């Protein structure tokens, strides 16, 4: 898969710009607050339908503009397509619409037009930040891998919202109605949990191999899935049964706390080094290396499931890596079909490494026609 061109109108600090990213690696150079991360955010928006930087989508609309528009021409194994997302300011919030080849489509049908993996400084919080960040990573990766997961998750989320509204409503909470919700939640939730468990097994194998290459092979890296409740058997039928029992047993606690306490919306995973949690014992460099390995593994799995290479978006990935880890990581970039990397200055590149150089200043792009060749 390749993005042939991308156009931004009233997106962040871009009034209007068109960019044709070449194949291979492009290094986006510029001082802080010039628009490097904004450009990567636009690519990611067309891949996942969401920002990797903010939950307030109105922030993506240029100040004073009624709407932001991001569109791209994409070449995939099934042919060329044009994708677009329009974010309109509505009061204090926003309204978002998706398009494929000029026709409005629902979010579920928009997914998959561009496959992308993003790494940003905020992803370091995957190590020790709130569980919601790790669930969001899983959901994004699995939703891009196939439509079935997104639909299972959407159904589970809808049922969960209805159950939560019942728990928070005034008056007596009908146990029979709650158990009906639990029956339905356990069925859709089981498919979510089973998909996550299988994905994390594959992710662990891939990430551990990548991490061993970068860290010299002497540090055991692991990703431990922690569903709630724990699941001794990962088959959907067994998970559904365990979820149903745990949900019904939590009846009194959920009534008291007015919240659904059991299910995949409470899942988590932990990053471990030599069996110890990185969040507690890992240095900043070790944590960054682990997250990069995790993201590289996510890329490999998405490549395998899609049958073609996804776009790789790397925002400020080189800071805080020591020289050896930085060199090892840069060596891997030559393996990617299309990657965009931001930096405040041109990094020292490995011998023979080739990339395009794009300078960004105040929302304006300048591409060096001659490739950088270290």
Protein backbone atom coordinates (compact mmCIF):
# COMPACT_ATOMS: atom_id res chain seq x y z
CA UNK A 1 0.00 0.00 0.00
CA UNK A 2 1.20 3.52 -0.80
CA UNK A 3 -0.18 6.97 -0.18
CA UNK A 4 0.32 8.77 -3.49
CA UNK A 5 -0.73 12.20 -2.29
CA UNK A 6 -2.41 13.89 0.65
CA UNK A 7 -4.23 17.23 0.77
CA UNK A 8 -4.97 19.25 3.89
CA UNK A 9 -7.33 22.22 4.11
CA UNK A 10 -7.76 24.14 7.38
CA UNK A 11 -6.21 21.29 9.32
CA UNK A 12 -4.27 22.41 12.42
CA UNK A 13 -1.74 25.02 11.22
CA UNK A 14 -2.15 24.07 7.53
CA UNK A 15 -4.35 26.45 5.55
CA UNK A 16 -3.89 24.44 2.35
CA UNK A 17 -1.14 22.03 1.35
CA UNK A 18 -0.63 19.05 -0.95
CA UNK A 19 2.15 16.54 -0.37
CA UNK A 20 3.24 13.58 -2.49
CA UNK A 21 5.22 11.31 -0.16
CA UNK A 22 7.70 9.15 -2.05
CA UNK A 23 8.23 5.45 -1.50
CA UNK A 24 10.72 4.52 1.17
CA UNK A 25 11.62 6.78 4.08
CA UNK A 26 10.89 10.51 4.26
CA UNK A 27 12.48 12.51 7.07
CA UNK A 28 10.43 15.56 8.05
CA UNK A 29 12.72 18.22 9.49
CA UNK A 30 11.66 21.38 11.30
CA UNK A 31 11.73 23.26 14.55
CA UNK A 32 9.06 22.59 17.13
CA UNK A 33 5.50 23.81 16.41
CA UNK A 34 6.02 24.04 12.62
CA UNK A 35 3.57 21.27 11.68
CA UNK A 36 5.57 18.02 11.58
CA UNK A 37 3.34 16.14 14.02
CA UNK A 38 0.25 17.74 12.48
CA UNK A 39 1.10 16.19 9.11
CA UNK A 40 1.54 12.74 10.64
CA UNK A 41 -1.73 13.20 12.51
CA UNK A 42 -3.49 13.80 9.18
CA UNK A 43 -2.14 10.53 7.75
CA UNK A 44 -3.20 8.66 10.89
CA UNK A 45 -6.68 10.22 10.75
CA UNK A 46 -7.26 8.65 7.34
CA UNK A 47 -6.08 5.28 8.63
CA UNK A 48 -7.94 4.99 11.92
CA UNK A 49 -10.54 7.76 11.65
CA UNK A 50 -9.18 9.23 14.88
CA UNK A 51 -6.40 11.47 16.15
CA UNK A 52 -3.48 9.90 18.00
CA UNK A 53 -2.94 13.22 19.81
CA UNK A 54 -6.29 14.47 21.13
CA UNK A 55 -9.77 13.31 22.03
CA UNK A 56 -11.09 16.82 21.25
CA UNK A 57 -11.43 16.48 17.52
CA UNK A 58 -12.44 20.11 17.10
CA UNK A 59 -8.80 20.93 17.96
CA UNK A 60 -7.84 19.63 14.51
CA UNK A 61 -9.85 22.40 12.81
CA UNK A 62 -7.73 25.45 11.99
CA UNK A 63 -8.62 28.43 14.21
CA UNK A 64 -11.43 30.47 12.67
CA UNK A 65 -12.29 27.89 9.99
CA UNK A 66 -15.68 26.13 9.88
CA UNK A 67 -14.22 22.73 8.99
CA UNK A 68 -11.03 20.79 8.32
CA UNK A 69 -10.64 18.53 5.30
CA UNK A 70 -8.06 15.78 4.86
CA UNK A 71 -8.03 13.64 1.72
CA UNK A 72 -5.60 11.25 0.06
CA UNK A 73 -5.06 9.16 -3.05
CA UNK A 74 -4.06 5.64 -2.09
CA UNK A 75 -2.76 2.72 -4.14
CA UNK A 76 -3.51 -0.74 -2.73
CA UNK A 77 -3.38 -4.28 -4.05
CA UNK A 78 -7.04 -3.95 -5.08
CA UNK A 79 -6.58 -0.67 -6.96
CA UNK A 80 -6.50 3.08 -6.38
CA UNK A 81 -8.92 4.88 -4.06
CA UNK A 82 -9.55 8.34 -2.71
CA UNK A 83 -10.29 8.73 0.99
CA UNK A 84 -11.41 11.84 2.84
CA UNK A 85 -12.40 12.96 6.32
CA UNK A 86 -14.17 16.23 7.06
CA UNK A 87 -14.31 17.56 10.62
CA UNK A 88 -16.80 20.39 11.07
CA UNK A 89 -16.94 22.65 14.13
CA UNK A 90 -20.32 22.42 15.84
CA UNK A 91 -20.61 24.64 18.89
CA UNK A 92 -17.95 23.49 21.36
CA UNK A 93 -17.66 20.12 19.65
CA UNK A 94 -17.36 18.69 16.15
CA UNK A 95 -19.03 16.46 13.59
CA UNK A 96 -16.98 14.05 11.50
CA UNK A 97 -17.82 12.53 8.11
CA UNK A 98 -15.95 9.90 6.07
CA UNK A 99 -15.78 9.46 2.30
CA UNK A 100 -14.54 6.81 -0.14
CA UNK A 101 -14.21 7.84 -3.77
CA UNK A 102 -16.46 10.83 -3.18
CA UNK A 103 -19.28 8.93 -1.45
CA UNK A 104 -20.10 9.27 2.24
CA UNK A 105 -19.60 6.00 4.13
CA UNK A 106 -20.00 4.92 7.77
CA UNK A 107 -16.92 4.61 9.93
CA UNK A 108 -16.86 0.81 9.74
CA UNK A 109 -16.62 0.90 5.93
CA UNK A 110 -14.03 3.67 5.99
CA UNK A 111 -11.59 1.58 8.03
CA UNK A 112 -9.03 -0.31 5.98
CA UNK A 113 -8.57 2.23 3.20
CA UNK A 114 -5.17 3.11 4.65
CA UNK A 115 -3.34 0.81 7.03
CA UNK A 116 -0.92 2.64 9.31
CA UNK A 117 1.09 2.20 12.48
CA UNK A 118 1.98 5.31 14.47
CA UNK A 119 4.58 5.93 17.13
CA UNK A 120 4.50 9.23 19.04
CA UNK A 121 6.08 10.38 22.32
CA UNK A 122 2.74 9.90 24.05
CA UNK A 123 3.00 6.16 23.30
CA UNK A 124 5.62 5.89 26.04
CA UNK A 125 2.63 5.96 28.38
CA UNK A 126 1.83 2.45 27.09
CA UNK A 127 4.39 1.27 29.66
CA UNK A 128 2.97 2.77 32.84
CA UNK A 129 0.02 4.94 31.88
CA UNK A 130 -3.68 4.13 32.29
CA UNK A 131 -5.03 0.85 30.94
CA UNK A 132 -7.31 2.76 28.56
CA UNK A 133 -4.25 3.67 26.45
CA UNK A 134 -3.25 0.04 26.04
CA UNK A 135 -6.82 -0.98 25.18
CA UNK A 136 -6.93 1.79 22.57
CA UNK A 137 -3.76 0.43 20.96
CA UNK A 138 -5.25 -3.06 20.82
CA UNK A 139 -8.53 -1.79 19.42
CA UNK A 140 -6.83 0.29 16.72
CA UNK A 141 -4.54 -2.55 15.64
CA UNK A 142 -7.29 -5.17 15.56
CA UNK A 143 -9.85 -2.88 13.87
CA UNK A 144 -7.38 -2.28 11.03
CA UNK A 145 -6.70 -6.00 10.74
CA UNK A 146 -10.29 -6.91 9.88
CA UNK A 147 -13.87 -5.67 10.08
CA UNK A 148 -15.11 -8.43 12.40
CA UNK A 149 -13.32 -7.10 15.46
CA UNK A 150 -14.61 -3.55 15.00
CA UNK A 151 -18.21 -4.76 14.74
CA UNK A 152 -17.88 -6.98 17.83
CA UNK A 153 -16.35 -4.11 19.79
CA UNK A 154 -18.99 -1.65 18.59
CA UNK A 155 -21.80 -4.00 19.64
CA UNK A 156 -20.17 -4.59 23.02
CA UNK A 157 -19.71 -0.83 23.55
CA UNK A 158 -23.33 -0.10 22.69
CA UNK A 159 -24.62 -2.76 25.10
CA UNK A 160 -22.21 -1.54 27.78
CA UNK A 161 -23.52 2.02 27.45
CA UNK A 162 -27.10 0.75 27.87
CA UNK A 163 -26.19 -1.33 30.92
CA UNK A 164 -24.32 1.60 32.47
CA UNK A 165 -27.32 3.88 31.92
CA UNK A 166 -29.48 1.31 33.74
CA UNK A 167 -27.02 1.12 36.65
CA UNK A 168 -26.92 4.91 36.96
CA UNK A 169 -30.65 5.42 36.59
CA UNK A 170 -32.92 6.41 39.46
CA UNK A 171 -34.79 3.88 41.53
CA UNK A 172 -34.58 0.10 41.76
CA UNK A 173 -32.31 -1.71 39.30
CA UNK A 174 -34.01 -4.78 37.81
CA UNK A 175 -31.70 -7.78 38.29
CA UNK A 176 -33.41 -9.80 35.56
CA UNK A 177 -32.82 -6.97 33.06
CA UNK A 178 -29.19 -6.68 34.15
CA UNK A 179 -28.71 -10.42 33.62
CA UNK A 180 -30.18 -10.06 30.13
CA UNK A 181 -27.60 -7.40 29.37
CA UNK A 182 -24.91 -9.64 30.87
CA UNK A 183 -25.92 -12.49 28.56
CA UNK A 184 -25.56 -10.28 25.49
CA UNK A 185 -22.38 -8.59 26.73
CA UNK A 186 -20.73 -11.93 27.45
CA UNK A 187 -21.32 -13.14 23.88
CA UNK A 188 -19.92 -10.08 22.09
CA UNK A 189 -17.28 -9.53 24.79
CA UNK A 190 -16.02 -13.11 24.42
CA UNK A 191 -15.20 -12.53 20.76
CA UNK A 192 -13.33 -9.34 21.70
CA UNK A 193 -11.33 -11.10 24.41
CA UNK A 194 -10.52 -14.12 22.22
CA UNK A 195 -9.30 -11.82 19.42
CA UNK A 196 -7.16 -9.83 21.85
CA UNK A 197 -5.63 -12.95 23.40
CA UNK A 198 -4.69 -14.40 20.01
CA UNK A 199 -3.31 -11.06 18.83
CA UNK A 200 -1.16 -10.55 21.94
CA UNK A 201 0.35 -14.03 21.55
CA UNK A 202 1.46 -13.12 18.02
CA UNK A 203 2.52 -9.64 19.11
CA UNK A 204 4.68 -11.05 21.90
CA UNK A 205 6.57 -13.42 19.61
CA UNK A 206 7.27 -10.69 17.06
CA UNK A 207 8.14 -7.97 19.59
CA UNK A 208 10.45 -10.26 21.58
CA UNK A 209 12.46 -11.12 18.45
CA UNK A 210 12.75 -7.46 17.44
CA UNK A 211 13.69 -6.38 20.96
CA UNK A 212 16.39 -9.07 21.15
CA UNK A 213 18.02 -7.72 17.98
CA UNK A 214 18.05 -4.16 19.28
CA UNK A 215 19.06 -4.96 22.86
CA UNK A 216 21.74 -7.49 22.00
CA UNK A 217 19.67 -10.59 22.72
CA UNK A 218 20.24 -10.63 26.46
CA UNK A 219 16.96 -9.17 27.74
CA UNK A 220 13.76 -11.23 27.74
CA UNK A 221 10.85 -9.07 26.59
CA UNK A 222 7.25 -10.16 27.11
CA UNK A 223 3.71 -8.82 26.75
CA UNK A 224 1.31 -10.21 29.37
CA UNK A 225 -2.42 -10.03 28.63
CA UNK A 226 -4.58 -9.41 31.70
CA UNK A 227 -8.26 -9.83 30.90
CA UNK A 228 -10.86 -9.18 33.56
CA UNK A 229 -11.82 -11.73 34.72
CA UNK A 230 -8.76 -13.96 34.02
CA UNK A 231 -9.43 -16.53 31.30
CA UNK A 232 -7.92 -20.02 31.68
CA UNK A 233 -9.41 -21.05 28.30
CA UNK A 234 -9.38 -18.55 25.42
CA UNK A 235 -12.06 -20.17 23.24
CA UNK A 236 -15.03 -17.78 22.72
CA UNK A 237 -17.48 -20.25 24.33
CA UNK A 238 -15.35 -20.64 27.46
CA UNK A 239 -14.73 -16.90 27.70
CA UNK A 240 -18.43 -16.15 27.30
CA UNK A 241 -19.27 -18.53 30.14
CA UNK A 242 -16.64 -17.05 32.44
CA UNK A 243 -17.74 -13.50 31.63
CA UNK A 244 -21.40 -14.30 32.29
CA UNK A 245 -20.63 -15.85 35.68
CA UNK A 246 -18.34 -13.00 36.73
CA UNK A 247 -20.82 -10.33 35.61
CA UNK A 248 -23.71 -11.90 37.49
CA UNK A 249 -21.56 -12.35 40.62
CA UNK A 250 -20.70 -8.66 40.50
CA UNK A 251 -24.37 -7.62 40.69
CA UNK A 252 -24.25 -6.12 44.21
CA UNK A 253 -20.94 -4.33 43.63
CA UNK A 254 -22.11 -2.87 40.33
CA UNK A 255 -25.33 -1.61 41.91
CA UNK A 256 -23.35 0.04 44.72
CA UNK A 257 -20.78 1.64 42.41
CA UNK A 258 -23.19 2.32 39.54
CA UNK A 259 -20.65 0.99 37.04
CA UNK A 260 -19.99 -2.17 35.02
CA UNK A 261 -16.98 -3.73 36.72
CA UNK A 262 -16.35 -6.83 34.60
CA UNK A 263 -15.60 -7.28 30.92
CA UNK A 264 -13.16 -6.39 28.15
CA UNK A 265 -13.62 -2.67 28.84
CA UNK A 266 -11.50 -3.40 31.95
CA UNK A 267 -8.80 -5.45 30.18
CA UNK A 268 -5.13 -4.55 30.34
CA UNK A 269 -1.71 -5.81 29.30
CA UNK A 270 1.74 -5.31 30.83
CA UNK A 271 5.19 -4.98 29.28
CA UNK A 272 7.78 -7.12 31.07
CA UNK A 273 11.55 -7.32 30.92
CA UNK A 274 13.07 -10.49 32.39
CA UNK A 275 9.69 -11.11 34.02
CA UNK A 276 9.63 -7.75 35.81
CA UNK A 277 7.26 -4.88 34.92
CA UNK A 278 8.98 -2.23 32.82
CA UNK A 279 6.77 0.43 34.38
CA UNK A 280 8.41 -0.19 37.75
CA UNK A 281 11.97 -1.21 36.94
CA UNK A 282 12.77 -0.13 33.38
CA UNK A 283 14.95 2.87 32.56
CA UNK A 284 13.61 5.49 30.19
CA UNK A 285 15.78 4.10 27.39
CA UNK A 286 14.58 0.55 28.06
CA UNK A 287 10.96 1.69 28.07
CA UNK A 288 11.35 3.54 24.80
CA UNK A 289 13.08 0.56 23.17
CA UNK A 290 10.27 -1.73 24.37
CA UNK A 291 7.54 0.51 22.95
CA UNK A 292 9.39 0.79 19.63
CA UNK A 293 9.66 -3.02 19.51
CA UNK A 294 5.95 -3.27 20.29
CA UNK A 295 5.08 -0.84 17.49
CA UNK A 296 7.41 -2.58 15.04
CA UNK A 297 5.70 -5.86 15.88
CA UNK A 298 2.31 -4.21 15.35
CA UNK A 299 3.52 -3.17 11.89
CA UNK A 300 4.64 -6.72 11.04
CA UNK A 301 1.31 -8.23 12.10
CA UNK A 302 -0.71 -5.63 10.20
CA UNK A 303 1.44 -6.27 7.12
CA UNK A 304 0.72 -10.00 7.41
CA UNK A 305 -3.04 -9.59 7.91
CA UNK A 306 -3.50 -6.98 5.17
CA UNK A 307 -1.26 -8.73 2.68
CA UNK A 308 0.56 -5.47 1.92
CA UNK A 309 2.80 -3.07 3.79
CA UNK A 310 1.11 -0.43 5.95
CA UNK A 311 2.26 3.15 6.30
CA UNK A 312 4.70 3.78 9.17
CA UNK A 313 4.42 7.12 11.01
CA UNK A 314 7.21 7.91 13.47
CA UNK A 315 6.96 11.12 15.45
CA UNK A 316 10.15 12.09 17.33
CA UNK A 317 11.23 8.47 17.80
CA UNK A 318 14.98 9.03 18.11
CA UNK A 319 15.17 11.22 21.19
CA UNK A 320 16.27 9.47 24.38
CA UNK A 321 17.64 6.42 22.53
CA UNK A 322 21.34 5.84 23.09
CA UNK A 323 23.62 5.74 20.05
CA UNK A 324 23.62 1.94 19.71
CA UNK A 325 19.82 1.59 19.92
CA UNK A 326 19.35 4.58 17.56
CA UNK A 327 21.65 3.02 14.97
CA UNK A 328 19.92 -0.37 15.30
CA UNK A 329 16.52 1.20 14.85
CA UNK A 330 17.54 3.32 11.84
CA UNK A 331 18.91 0.21 10.16
CA UNK A 332 15.39 -1.26 10.19
CA UNK A 333 13.82 1.72 8.40
CA UNK A 334 15.22 0.60 5.07
CA UNK A 335 12.88 -2.41 5.28
CA UNK A 336 9.70 -0.32 5.17
CA UNK A 337 7.83 0.46 1.95
CA UNK A 338 6.72 3.92 3.07
CA UNK A 339 7.69 5.62 6.33
CA UNK A 340 7.57 9.20 7.57
CA UNK A 341 9.88 10.22 10.41
CA UNK A 342 9.88 13.61 12.17
CA UNK A 343 12.95 15.20 13.72
CA UNK A 344 14.11 18.67 14.67
CA UNK A 345 17.39 18.09 12.84
CA UNK A 346 18.76 15.51 10.44
CA UNK A 347 19.96 12.49 12.44
CA UNK A 348 23.20 10.67 11.76
CA UNK A 349 22.21 8.01 9.26
CA UNK A 350 23.74 4.57 8.73
CA UNK A 351 26.09 4.15 5.75
CA UNK A 352 24.15 3.68 2.52
CA UNK A 353 20.83 4.75 4.06
CA UNK A 354 18.67 6.69 1.60
CA UNK A 355 15.71 8.93 2.35
CA UNK A 356 13.86 11.96 1.07
CA UNK A 357 14.26 15.13 3.09
CA UNK A 358 11.20 17.33 3.69
CA UNK A 359 11.60 20.66 5.47
CA UNK A 360 8.53 22.02 7.26
CA UNK A 361 8.25 25.64 8.34
CA UNK A 362 5.03 27.31 9.52
CA UNK A 363 2.83 24.83 7.68
CA UNK A 364 4.77 25.00 4.41
CA UNK A 365 6.59 21.98 2.94
CA UNK A 366 9.76 21.94 0.88
CA UNK A 367 10.97 18.59 -0.51
CA UNK A 368 14.59 18.07 -1.44
CA UNK A 369 14.56 16.40 -4.82
CA UNK A 370 17.93 14.81 -4.12
CA UNK A 371 17.68 11.95 -1.64
CA UNK A 372 19.78 12.03 1.48
CA UNK A 373 22.43 9.34 1.18
CA UNK A 374 24.56 8.65 4.24
